[in-house]
Amino acid sequence: MTLSPDEFIRRFLLHVLPKGFHRIRHYGLLAGPTRKAHIERARKLLGVTPPPAAVPDEPEDTRPPCPCCGGRMVVIETFERWCPARAPPYSVISTGTITP
């Protein structure tokens, strides 16, 4: 959808609260630790059958998130606490220079 700048700003400002007002995010049926009980009671009062239990197709991803981008990191190697990481061995070329 393409909007004119005026229409975009008008629609955007519909979501901005006036000065002195506070947005309440956690209110109603989906609020607090009794969320499941409230939804279950509402379904019972409305005569709606509960949805079937969802079975996850894929196992949960337990890889840690990257601190920079949030993507999942792949662990290549872990070091024990008492073993410091070491650099790769150096090789001596016939010219006598040491290269990593």
PDB file of N, CA and C in Angstrom:
ATOM      1  N   MET A   1       0.851  -1.164   0.000  1.00  0.00           N
ATOM      2  CA  MET A   1       0.000   0.000   0.000  1.00  0.00           C
ATOM      3  C   MET A   1       0.900   1.231   0.000  1.00  0.00           C
ATOM      4  N   THR A   2       0.594   2.159  -0.849  1.00  0.00           N
ATOM      5  CA  THR A   2       1.339   3.418  -0.910  1.00  0.00           C
ATOM      6  C   THR A   2       0.451   4.523  -0.362  1.00  0.00           C
ATOM      7  N   LEU A   3       0.999   5.289   0.574  1.00  0.00           N
ATOM      8  CA  LEU A   3       0.255   6.389   1.185  1.00  0.00           C
ATOM      9  C   LEU A   3       0.964   7.700   0.920  1.00  0.00           C
ATOM     10  N   SER A   4       0.180   8.751   0.862  1.00  0.00           N
ATOM     11  CA  SER A   4       0.802  10.074   0.775  1.00  0.00           C
ATOM     12  C   SER A   4       1.418  10.386   2.139  1.00  0.00           C
ATOM     13  N   PRO A   5       2.399  11.267   2.185  1.00  0.00           N
ATOM     14  CA  PRO A   5       3.026  11.581   3.479  1.00  0.00           C
ATOM     15  C   PRO A   5       2.019  12.089   4.511  1.00  0.00           C
ATOM     16  N   ASP A   6       1.067  12.892   4.085  1.00  0.00           N
ATOM     17  CA  ASP A   6       0.070  13.416   5.034  1.00  0.00           C
ATOM     18  C   ASP A   6      -0.780  12.289   5.622  1.00  0.00           C
ATOM     19  N   GLU A   7      -1.209  11.349   4.767  1.00  0.00           N
ATOM     20  CA  GLU A   7      -2.033  10.241   5.241  1.00  0.00           C
ATOM     21  C   GLU A   7      -1.236   9.316   6.158  1.00  0.00           C
ATOM     22  N   PHE A   8       0.039   9.087   5.831  1.00  0.00           N
ATOM     23  CA  PHE A   8       0.880   8.247   6.684  1.00  0.00           C
ATOM     24  C   PHE A   8       1.025   8.877   8.071  1.00  0.00           C
ATOM     25  N   ILE A   9       1.313  10.170   8.113  1.00  0.00           N
ATOM     26  CA  ILE A   9       1.474  10.852   9.409  1.00  0.00           C
ATOM     27  C   ILE A   9       0.160  10.843  10.178  1.00  0.00           C
ATOM     28  N   ARG A  10      -0.971  11.030   9.488  1.00  0.00           N
ATOM     29  CA  ARG A  10      -2.270  11.006  10.161  1.00  0.00           C
ATOM     30  C   ARG A  10      -2.509   9.637  10.796  1.00  0.00           C
ATOM     31  N   ARG A  11      -2.250   8.559  10.042  1.00  0.00           N
ATOM     32  CA  ARG A  11      -2.461   7.212  10.578  1.00  0.00           C
ATOM     33  C   ARG A  11      -1.490   6.897  11.706  1.00  0.00           C
ATOM     34  N   PHE A  12      -0.255   7.375  11.575  1.00  0.00           N
ATOM     35  CA  PHE A  12       0.735   7.138  12.624  1.00  0.00           C
ATOM     36  C   PHE A  12       0.335   7.849  13.918  1.00  0.00           C
ATOM     37  N   LEU A  13      -0.142   9.085  13.800  1.00  0.00           N
ATOM     38  CA  LEU A  13      -0.488   9.859  14.991  1.00  0.00           C
ATOM     39  C   LEU A  13      -1.741   9.349  15.694  1.00  0.00           C
ATOM     40  N   LEU A  14      -2.515   8.490  15.046  1.00  0.00           N
ATOM     41  CA  LEU A  14      -3.647   7.867  15.731  1.00  0.00           C
ATOM     42  C   LEU A  14      -3.182   6.985  16.884  1.00  0.00           C
ATOM     43  N   HIS A  15      -1.925   6.524  16.816  1.00  0.00           N
ATOM     44  CA  HIS A  15      -1.389   5.631  17.845  1.00  0.00           C
ATOM     45  C   HIS A  15      -0.626   6.375  18.934  1.00  0.00           C
ATOM     46  N   VAL A  16      -0.482   7.680  18.823  1.00  0.00           N
ATOM     47  CA  VAL A  16       0.244   8.479  19.815  1.00  0.00           C
ATOM     48  C   VAL A  16      -0.760   9.002  20.831  1.00  0.00           C
ATOM     49  N   LEU A  17      -0.480   8.751  22.102  1.00  0.00           N
ATOM     50  CA  LEU A  17      -1.379   9.202  23.157  1.00  0.00           C
ATOM     51  C   LEU A  17      -1.140  10.671  23.489  1.00  0.00           C
ATOM     52  N   PRO A  18      -2.179  11.375  23.903  1.00  0.00           N
ATOM     53  CA  PRO A  18      -1.993  12.767  24.327  1.00  0.00           C
ATOM     54  C   PRO A  18      -1.134  12.845  25.577  1.00  0.00           C
ATOM     55  N   LYS A  19      -0.588  14.020  25.835  1.00  0.00           N
ATOM     56  CA  LYS A  19       0.273  14.228  26.996  1.00  0.00           C
ATOM     57  C   LYS A  19      -0.503  13.932  28.281  1.00  0.00           C
ATOM     58  N   GLY A  20       0.126  13.206  29.187  1.00  0.00           N
ATOM     59  CA  GLY A  20      -0.504  12.889  30.460  1.00  0.00           C
ATOM     60  C   GLY A  20      -1.199  11.532  30.484  1.00  0.00           C
ATOM     61  N   PHE A  21      -1.383  10.891  29.337  1.00  0.00           N
ATOM     62  CA  PHE A  21      -2.005   9.575  29.275  1.00  0.00           C
ATOM     63  C   PHE A  21      -0.929   8.495  29.288  1.00  0.00           C
ATOM     64  N   HIS A  22      -1.283   7.324  29.814  1.00  0.00           N
ATOM     65  CA  HIS A  22      -0.367   6.186  29.849  1.00  0.00           C
ATOM     66  C   HIS A  22      -1.029   5.010  29.161  1.00  0.00           C
ATOM     67  N   ARG A  23      -0.256   4.306  28.353  1.00  0.00           N
ATOM     68  CA  ARG A  23      -0.780   3.132  27.671  1.00  0.00           C
ATOM     69  C   ARG A  23      -0.781   1.954  28.645  1.00  0.00           C
ATOM     70  N   ILE A  24      -1.898   1.247  28.712  1.00  0.00           N
ATOM     71  CA  ILE A  24      -2.012   0.068  29.569  1.00  0.00           C
ATOM     72  C   ILE A  24      -1.945  -1.149  28.659  1.00  0.00           C
ATOM     73  N   ARG A  25      -0.872  -1.897  28.769  1.00  0.00           N
ATOM     74  CA  ARG A  25      -0.686  -3.041  27.885  1.00  0.00           C
ATOM     75  C   ARG A  25      -1.244  -4.329  28.471  1.00  0.00           C
ATOM     76  N   HIS A  26      -1.157  -4.476  29.766  1.00  0.00           N
ATOM     77  CA  HIS A  26      -1.510  -5.745  30.390  1.00  0.00           C
ATOM     78  C   HIS A  26      -2.841  -5.591  31.119  1.00  0.00           C
ATOM     79  N   TYR A  27      -3.929  -5.668  30.356  1.00  0.00           N
ATOM     80  CA  TYR A  27      -5.247  -5.464  30.924  1.00  0.00           C
ATOM     81  C   TYR A  27      -6.237  -6.351  30.186  1.00  0.00           C
ATOM     82  N   GLY A  28      -7.170  -6.916  30.897  1.00  0.00           N
ATOM     83  CA  GLY A  28      -8.216  -7.699  30.256  1.00  0.00           C
ATOM     84  C   GLY A  28      -8.020  -9.192  30.424  1.00  0.00           C
ATOM     85  N   LEU A  29      -8.605  -9.958  29.491  1.00  0.00           N
ATOM     86  CA  LEU A  29      -8.548 -11.418  29.586  1.00  0.00           C
ATOM     87  C   LEU A  29      -7.137 -11.961  29.506  1.00  0.00           C
ATOM     88  N   LEU A  30      -6.292 -11.303  28.736  1.00  0.00           N
ATOM     89  CA  LEU A  30      -4.942 -11.826  28.523  1.00  0.00           C
ATOM     90  C   LEU A  30      -3.936 -11.272  29.524  1.00  0.00           C
ATOM     91  N   ALA A  31      -4.392 -10.674  30.610  1.00  0.00           N
ATOM     92  CA  ALA A  31      -3.493 -10.059  31.576  1.00  0.00           C
ATOM     93  C   ALA A  31      -3.203 -10.994  32.738  1.00  0.00           C
ATOM     94  N   GLY A  32      -1.983 -10.900  33.227  1.00  0.00           N
ATOM     95  CA  GLY A  32      -1.610 -11.562  34.460  1.00  0.00           C
ATOM     96  C   GLY A  32      -1.411 -13.059  34.363  1.00  0.00           C
ATOM     97  N   PRO A  33      -1.132 -13.668  35.499  1.00  0.00           N
ATOM     98  CA  PRO A  33      -0.832 -15.104  35.529  1.00  0.00           C
ATOM     99  C   PRO A  33      -2.069 -15.987  35.393  1.00  0.00           C
ATOM    100  N   THR A  34      -3.284 -15.402  35.418  1.00  0.00           N
ATOM    101  CA  THR A  34      -4.502 -16.210  35.298  1.00  0.00           C
ATOM    102  C   THR A  34      -5.016 -16.225  33.866  1.00  0.00           C
ATOM    103  N   ARG A  35      -4.160 -15.933  32.909  1.00  0.00           N
ATOM    104  CA  ARG A  35      -4.530 -15.857  31.492  1.00  0.00           C
ATOM    105  C   ARG A  35      -5.204 -17.140  31.010  1.00  0.00           C
ATOM    106  N   LYS A  36      -4.596 -18.288  31.293  1.00  0.00           N
ATOM    107  CA  LYS A  36      -5.143 -19.557  30.807  1.00  0.00           C
ATOM    108  C   LYS A  36      -6.515 -19.836  31.411  1.00  0.00           C
ATOM    109  N   ALA A  37      -6.670 -19.543  32.698  1.00  0.00           N
ATOM    110  CA  ALA A  37      -7.956 -19.783  33.355  1.00  0.00           C
ATOM    111  C   ALA A  37      -9.035 -18.880  32.766  1.00  0.00           C
ATOM    112  N   HIS A  38      -8.690 -17.624  32.482  1.00  0.00           N
ATOM    113  CA  HIS A  38      -9.668 -16.688  31.905  1.00  0.00           C
ATOM    114  C   HIS A  38     -10.102 -17.139  30.517  1.00  0.00           C
ATOM    115  N   ILE A  39      -9.163 -17.549  29.688  1.00  0.00           N
ATOM    116  CA  ILE A  39      -9.496 -17.987  28.330  1.00  0.00           C
ATOM    117  C   ILE A  39     -10.328 -19.259  28.373  1.00  0.00           C
ATOM    118  N   GLU A  40      -9.973 -20.173  29.264  1.00  0.00           N
ATOM    119  CA  GLU A  40     -10.734 -21.419  29.395  1.00  0.00           C
ATOM    120  C   GLU A  40     -12.166 -21.140  29.835  1.00  0.00           C
ATOM    121  N   ARG A  41     -12.343 -20.230  30.777  1.00  0.00           N
ATOM    122  CA  ARG A  41     -13.694 -19.881  31.247  1.00  0.00           C
ATOM    123  C   ARG A  41     -14.494 -19.195  30.149  1.00  0.00           C
ATOM    124  N   ALA A  42     -13.870 -18.320  29.388  1.00  0.00           N
ATOM    125  CA  ALA A  42     -14.564 -17.648  28.289  1.00  0.00           C
ATOM    126  C   ALA A  42     -14.997 -18.655  27.226  1.00  0.00           C
ATOM    127  N   ARG A  43     -14.147 -19.613  26.923  1.00  0.00           N
ATOM    128  CA  ARG A  43     -14.517 -20.656  25.951  1.00  0.00           C
ATOM    129  C   ARG A  43     -15.696 -21.479  26.462  1.00  0.00           C
ATOM    130  N   LYS A  44     -15.675 -21.790  27.764  1.00  0.00           N
ATOM    131  CA  LYS A  44     -16.754 -22.584  28.351  1.00  0.00           C
ATOM    132  C   LYS A  44     -18.072 -21.809  28.309  1.00  0.00           C
ATOM    133  N   LEU A  45     -18.035 -20.519  28.627  1.00  0.00           N
ATOM    134  CA  LEU A  45     -19.253 -19.711  28.614  1.00  0.00           C
ATOM    135  C   LEU A  45     -19.803 -19.521  27.199  1.00  0.00           C
ATOM    136  N   LEU A  46     -18.905 -19.446  26.214  1.00  0.00           N
ATOM    137  CA  LEU A  46     -19.330 -19.262  24.827  1.00  0.00           C
ATOM    138  C   LEU A  46     -19.671 -20.580  24.135  1.00  0.00           C
ATOM    139  N   GLY A  47     -19.334 -21.695  24.759  1.00  0.00           N
ATOM    140  CA  GLY A  47     -19.609 -23.002  24.171  1.00  0.00           C
ATOM    141  C   GLY A  47     -18.675 -23.342  23.021  1.00  0.00           C
ATOM    142  N   VAL A  48     -17.461 -22.833  23.068  1.00  0.00           N
ATOM    143  CA  VAL A  48     -16.475 -23.092  22.018  1.00  0.00           C
ATOM    144  C   VAL A  48     -15.577 -24.229  22.464  1.00  0.00           C
ATOM    145  N   THR A  49     -15.308 -25.157  21.560  1.00  0.00           N
ATOM    146  CA  THR A  49     -14.408 -26.254  21.901  1.00  0.00           C
ATOM    147  C   THR A  49     -12.968 -25.749  21.922  1.00  0.00           C
ATOM    148  N   PRO A  50     -12.168 -26.227  22.852  1.00  0.00           N
ATOM    149  CA  PRO A  50     -10.774 -25.779  22.905  1.00  0.00           C
ATOM    150  C   PRO A  50     -10.010 -26.269  21.683  1.00  0.00           C
ATOM    151  N   PRO A  51      -9.015 -25.504  21.241  1.00  0.00           N
ATOM    152  CA  PRO A  51      -8.229 -25.937  20.083  1.00  0.00           C
ATOM    153  C   PRO A  51      -7.415 -27.178  20.433  1.00  0.00           C
ATOM    154  N   PRO A  52      -7.083 -28.008  19.437  1.00  0.00           N
ATOM    155  CA  PRO A  52      -6.271 -29.197  19.722  1.00  0.00           C
ATOM    156  C   PRO A  52      -4.878 -28.779  20.199  1.00  0.00           C
ATOM    157  N   ALA A  53      -4.300 -29.632  21.009  1.00  0.00           N
ATOM    158  CA  ALA A  53      -2.966 -29.339  21.534  1.00  0.00           C
ATOM    159  C   ALA A  53      -1.972 -29.272  20.381  1.00  0.00           C
ATOM    160  N   ALA A  54      -1.200 -28.212  20.359  1.00  0.00           N
ATOM    161  CA  ALA A  54      -0.221 -28.025  19.289  1.00  0.00           C
ATOM    162  C   ALA A  54       0.995 -28.899  19.543  1.00  0.00           C
ATOM    163  N   VAL A  55       1.394 -29.626  18.518  1.00  0.00           N
ATOM    164  CA  VAL A  55       2.578 -30.475  18.598  1.00  0.00           C
ATOM    165  C   VAL A  55       3.669 -29.798  17.780  1.00  0.00           C
ATOM    166  N   PRO A  56       4.768 -29.403  18.414  1.00  0.00           N
ATOM    167  CA  PRO A  56       5.819 -28.723  17.652  1.00  0.00           C
ATOM    168  C   PRO A  56       6.455 -29.676  16.641  1.00  0.00           C
ATOM    169  N   ASP A  57       6.612 -29.197  15.405  1.00  0.00           N
ATOM    170  CA  ASP A  57       7.218 -30.012  14.358  1.00  0.00           C
ATOM    171  C   ASP A  57       8.730 -30.106  14.532  1.00  0.00           C
ATOM    172  N   GLU A  58       9.325 -29.010  14.973  1.00  0.00           N
ATOM    173  CA  GLU A  58      10.772 -28.971  15.126  1.00  0.00           C
ATOM    174  C   GLU A  58      11.131 -28.828  16.602  1.00  0.00           C
ATOM    175  N   PRO A  59      12.220 -29.420  17.045  1.00  0.00           N
ATOM    176  CA  PRO A  59      12.626 -29.237  18.438  1.00  0.00           C
ATOM    177  C   PRO A  59      13.041 -27.788  18.672  1.00  0.00           C
ATOM    178  N   GLU A  60      12.938 -27.360  19.910  1.00  0.00           N
ATOM    179  CA  GLU A  60      13.295 -25.987  20.256  1.00  0.00           C
ATOM    180  C   GLU A  60      14.793 -25.758  20.039  1.00  0.00           C
ATOM    181  N   ASP A  61      15.123 -24.605  19.467  1.00  0.00           N
ATOM    182  CA  ASP A  61      16.513 -24.271  19.179  1.00  0.00           C
ATOM    183  C   ASP A  61      17.189 -23.819  20.471  1.00  0.00           C
ATOM    184  N   THR A  62      18.172 -24.598  20.941  1.00  0.00           N
ATOM    185  CA  THR A  62      18.827 -24.293  22.209  1.00  0.00           C
ATOM    186  C   THR A  62      20.153 -23.569  22.031  1.00  0.00           C
ATOM    187  N   ARG A  63      20.490 -23.218  20.775  1.00  0.00           N
ATOM    188  CA  ARG A  63      21.750 -22.507  20.556  1.00  0.00           C
ATOM    189  C   ARG A  63      21.652 -21.094  21.121  1.00  0.00           C
ATOM    190  N   PRO A  64      22.734 -20.569  21.688  1.00  0.00           N
ATOM    191  CA  PRO A  64      22.672 -19.228  22.278  1.00  0.00           C
ATOM    192  C   PRO A  64      22.557 -18.150  21.202  1.00  0.00           C
ATOM    193  N   PRO A  65      21.885 -17.022  21.522  1.00  0.00           N
ATOM    194  CA  PRO A  65      21.768 -15.948  20.542  1.00  0.00           C
ATOM    195  C   PRO A  65      23.057 -15.126  20.457  1.00  0.00           C
ATOM    196  N   CYS A  66      23.319 -14.589  19.273  1.00  0.00           N
ATOM    197  CA  CYS A  66      24.480 -13.717  19.066  1.00  0.00           C
ATOM    198  C   CYS A  66      24.216 -12.391  19.762  1.00  0.00           C
ATOM    199  N   PRO A  67      25.173 -11.849  20.533  1.00  0.00           N
ATOM    200  CA  PRO A  67      24.943 -10.582  21.216  1.00  0.00           C
ATOM    201  C   PRO A  67      24.852  -9.400  20.253  1.00  0.00           C
ATOM    202  N   CYS A  68      25.342  -9.531  19.027  1.00  0.00           N
ATOM    203  CA  CYS A  68      25.308  -8.415  18.072  1.00  0.00           C
ATOM    204  C   CYS A  68      24.027  -8.410  17.249  1.00  0.00           C
ATOM    205  N   CYS A  69      23.733  -9.521  16.558  1.00  0.00           N
ATOM    206  CA  CYS A  69      22.618  -9.525  15.607  1.00  0.00           C
ATOM    207  C   CYS A  69      21.402 -10.293  16.101  1.00  0.00           C
ATOM    208  N   GLY A  70      21.544 -11.108  17.153  1.00  0.00           N
ATOM    209  CA  GLY A  70      20.416 -11.875  17.664  1.00  0.00           C
ATOM    210  C   GLY A  70      20.223 -13.215  16.984  1.00  0.00           C
ATOM    211  N   GLY A  71      21.001 -13.505  15.924  1.00  0.00           N
ATOM    212  CA  GLY A  71      20.911 -14.802  15.247  1.00  0.00           C
ATOM    213  C   GLY A  71      21.465 -15.902  16.139  1.00  0.00           C
ATOM    214  N   ARG A  72      21.233 -17.126  15.764  1.00  0.00           N
ATOM    215  CA  ARG A  72      21.705 -18.249  16.575  1.00  0.00           C
ATOM    216  C   ARG A  72      23.160 -18.572  16.243  1.00  0.00           C
ATOM    217  N   MET A  73      23.982 -18.727  17.280  1.00  0.00           N
ATOM    218  CA  MET A  73      25.400 -19.021  17.095  1.00  0.00           C
ATOM    219  C   MET A  73      25.612 -20.528  17.010  1.00  0.00           C
ATOM    220  N   VAL A  74      26.630 -20.923  16.272  1.00  0.00           N
ATOM    221  CA  VAL A  74      27.017 -22.313  16.157  1.00  0.00           C
ATOM    222  C   VAL A  74      28.278 -22.495  16.991  1.00  0.00           C
ATOM    223  N   VAL A  75      28.241 -23.378  17.972  1.00  0.00           N
ATOM    224  CA  VAL A  75      29.386 -23.617  18.841  1.00  0.00           C
ATOM    225  C   VAL A  75      30.367 -24.518  18.090  1.00  0.00           C
ATOM    226  N   ILE A  76      31.572 -24.016  17.849  1.00  0.00           N
ATOM    227  CA  ILE A  76      32.584 -24.779  17.130  1.00  0.00           C
ATOM    228  C   ILE A  76      33.443 -25.565  18.106  1.00  0.00           C
ATOM    229  N   GLU A  77      33.831 -24.916  19.185  1.00  0.00           N
ATOM    230  CA  GLU A  77      34.691 -25.576  20.163  1.00  0.00           C
ATOM    231  C   GLU A  77      34.484 -24.928  21.520  1.00  0.00           C
ATOM    232  N   THR A  78      34.550 -25.715  22.569  1.00  0.00           N
ATOM    233  CA  THR A  78      34.484 -25.191  23.921  1.00  0.00           C
ATOM    234  C   THR A  78      35.775 -25.542  24.637  1.00  0.00           C
ATOM    235  N   PHE A  79      36.180 -24.671  25.543  1.00  0.00           N
ATOM    236  CA  PHE A  79      37.417 -24.869  26.295  1.00  0.00           C
ATOM    237  C   PHE A  79      37.070 -25.140  27.736  1.00  0.00           C
ATOM    238  N   GLU A  80      37.786 -26.069  28.333  1.00  0.00           N
ATOM    239  CA  GLU A  80      37.613 -26.347  29.750  1.00  0.00           C
ATOM    240  C   GLU A  80      38.173 -25.175  30.540  1.00  0.00           C
ATOM    241  N   ARG A  81      37.691 -25.017  31.736  1.00  0.00           N
ATOM    242  CA  ARG A  81      38.070 -23.868  32.556  1.00  0.00           C
ATOM    243  C   ARG A  81      39.575 -23.839  32.860  1.00  0.00           C
ATOM    244  N   TRP A  82      40.178 -24.979  33.047  1.00  0.00           N
ATOM    245  CA  TRP A  82      41.583 -25.024  33.441  1.00  0.00           C
ATOM    246  C   TRP A  82      42.531 -25.095  32.243  1.00  0.00           C
ATOM    247  N   CYS A  83      42.023 -25.203  31.017  1.00  0.00           N
ATOM    248  CA  CYS A  83      42.869 -25.296  29.826  1.00  0.00           C
ATOM    249  C   CYS A  83      42.770 -24.014  29.008  1.00  0.00           C
ATOM    250  N   PRO A  84      43.821 -23.203  28.964  1.00  0.00           N
ATOM    251  CA  PRO A  84      43.747 -21.979  28.164  1.00  0.00           C
ATOM    252  C   PRO A  84      43.775 -22.308  26.666  1.00  0.00           C
ATOM    253  N   ALA A  85      43.162 -21.455  25.868  1.00  0.00           N
ATOM    254  CA  ALA A  85      43.186 -21.640  24.421  1.00  0.00           C
ATOM    255  C   ALA A  85      44.599 -21.343  23.924  1.00  0.00           C
ATOM    256  N   ARG A  86      45.035 -22.079  22.900  1.00  0.00           N
ATOM    257  CA  ARG A  86      46.387 -21.838  22.391  1.00  0.00           C
ATOM    258  C   ARG A  86      46.306 -21.480  20.915  1.00  0.00           C
ATOM    259  N   ALA A  87      47.333 -20.824  20.439  1.00  0.00           N
ATOM    260  CA  ALA A  87      47.411 -20.443  19.038  1.00  0.00           C
ATOM    261  C   ALA A  87      47.809 -21.653  18.206  1.00  0.00           C
ATOM    262  N   PRO A  88      47.564 -21.607  16.891  1.00  0.00           N
ATOM    263  CA  PRO A  88      47.999 -22.725  16.051  1.00  0.00           C
ATOM    264  C   PRO A  88      49.527 -22.799  16.019  1.00  0.00           C
ATOM    265  N   PRO A  89      50.084 -23.972  15.754  1.00  0.00           N
ATOM    266  CA  PRO A  89      51.549 -24.108  15.755  1.00  0.00           C
ATOM    267  C   PRO A  89      52.174 -23.326  14.593  1.00  0.00           C
ATOM    268  N   TYR A  90      53.381 -22.864  14.821  1.00  0.00           N
ATOM    269  CA  TYR A  90      54.115 -22.128  13.799  1.00  0.00           C
ATOM    270  C   TYR A  90      54.906 -23.108  12.943  1.00  0.00           C
ATOM    271  N   SER A  91      55.082 -22.758  11.677  1.00  0.00           N
ATOM    272  CA  SER A  91      55.905 -23.596  10.803  1.00  0.00           C
ATOM    273  C   SER A  91      57.055 -22.741  10.279  1.00  0.00           C
ATOM    274  N   VAL A  92      58.214 -23.362  10.101  1.00  0.00           N
ATOM    275  CA  VAL A  92      59.390 -22.650   9.607  1.00  0.00           C
ATOM    276  C   VAL A  92      59.551 -22.985   8.130  1.00  0.00           C
ATOM    277  N   ILE A  93      59.552 -21.951   7.294  1.00  0.00           N
ATOM    278  CA  ILE A  93      59.743 -22.133   5.862  1.00  0.00           C
ATOM    279  C   ILE A  93      61.248 -22.138   5.582  1.00  0.00           C
ATOM    280  N   SER A  94      61.642 -22.711   4.445  1.00  0.00           N
ATOM    281  CA  SER A  94      63.067 -22.842   4.112  1.00  0.00           C
ATOM    282  C   SER A  94      63.785 -21.491   4.058  1.00  0.00           C
ATOM    283  N   THR A  95      63.058 -20.389   3.942  1.00  0.00           N
ATOM    284  CA  THR A  95      63.721 -19.066   3.906  1.00  0.00           C
ATOM    285  C   THR A  95      64.128 -18.633   5.301  1.00  0.00           C
ATOM    286  N   GLY A  96      63.673 -19.344   6.313  1.00  0.00           N
ATOM    287  CA  GLY A  96      64.060 -18.995   7.669  1.00  0.00           C
ATOM    288  C   GLY A  96      63.053 -18.101   8.357  1.00  0.00           C
ATOM    289  N   THR A  97      61.967 -17.730   7.692  1.00  0.00           N
ATOM    290  CA  THR A  97      60.944 -16.884   8.334  1.00  0.00           C
ATOM    291  C   THR A  97      59.902 -17.772   8.991  1.00  0.00           C
ATOM    292  N   ILE A  98      59.351 -17.268  10.048  1.00  0.00           N
ATOM    293  CA  ILE A  98      58.309 -18.014  10.779  1.00  0.00           C
ATOM    294  C   ILE A  98      56.959 -17.491  10.328  1.00  0.00           C
ATOM    295  N   THR A  99      56.085 -18.399   9.925  1.00  0.00           N
ATOM    296  CA  THR A  99      54.739 -18.003   9.517  1.00  0.00           C
ATOM    297  C   THR A  99      53.727 -18.708  10.385  1.00  0.00           C
ATOM    298  N   PRO A 100      52.641 -18.042  10.660  1.00  0.00           N
ATOM    299  CA  PRO A 100      51.615 -18.688  11.483  1.00  0.00           C
ATOM    300  C   PRO A 100      50.837 -19.725  10.704  1.00  0.00           C
TER     301      PRO A 100
END
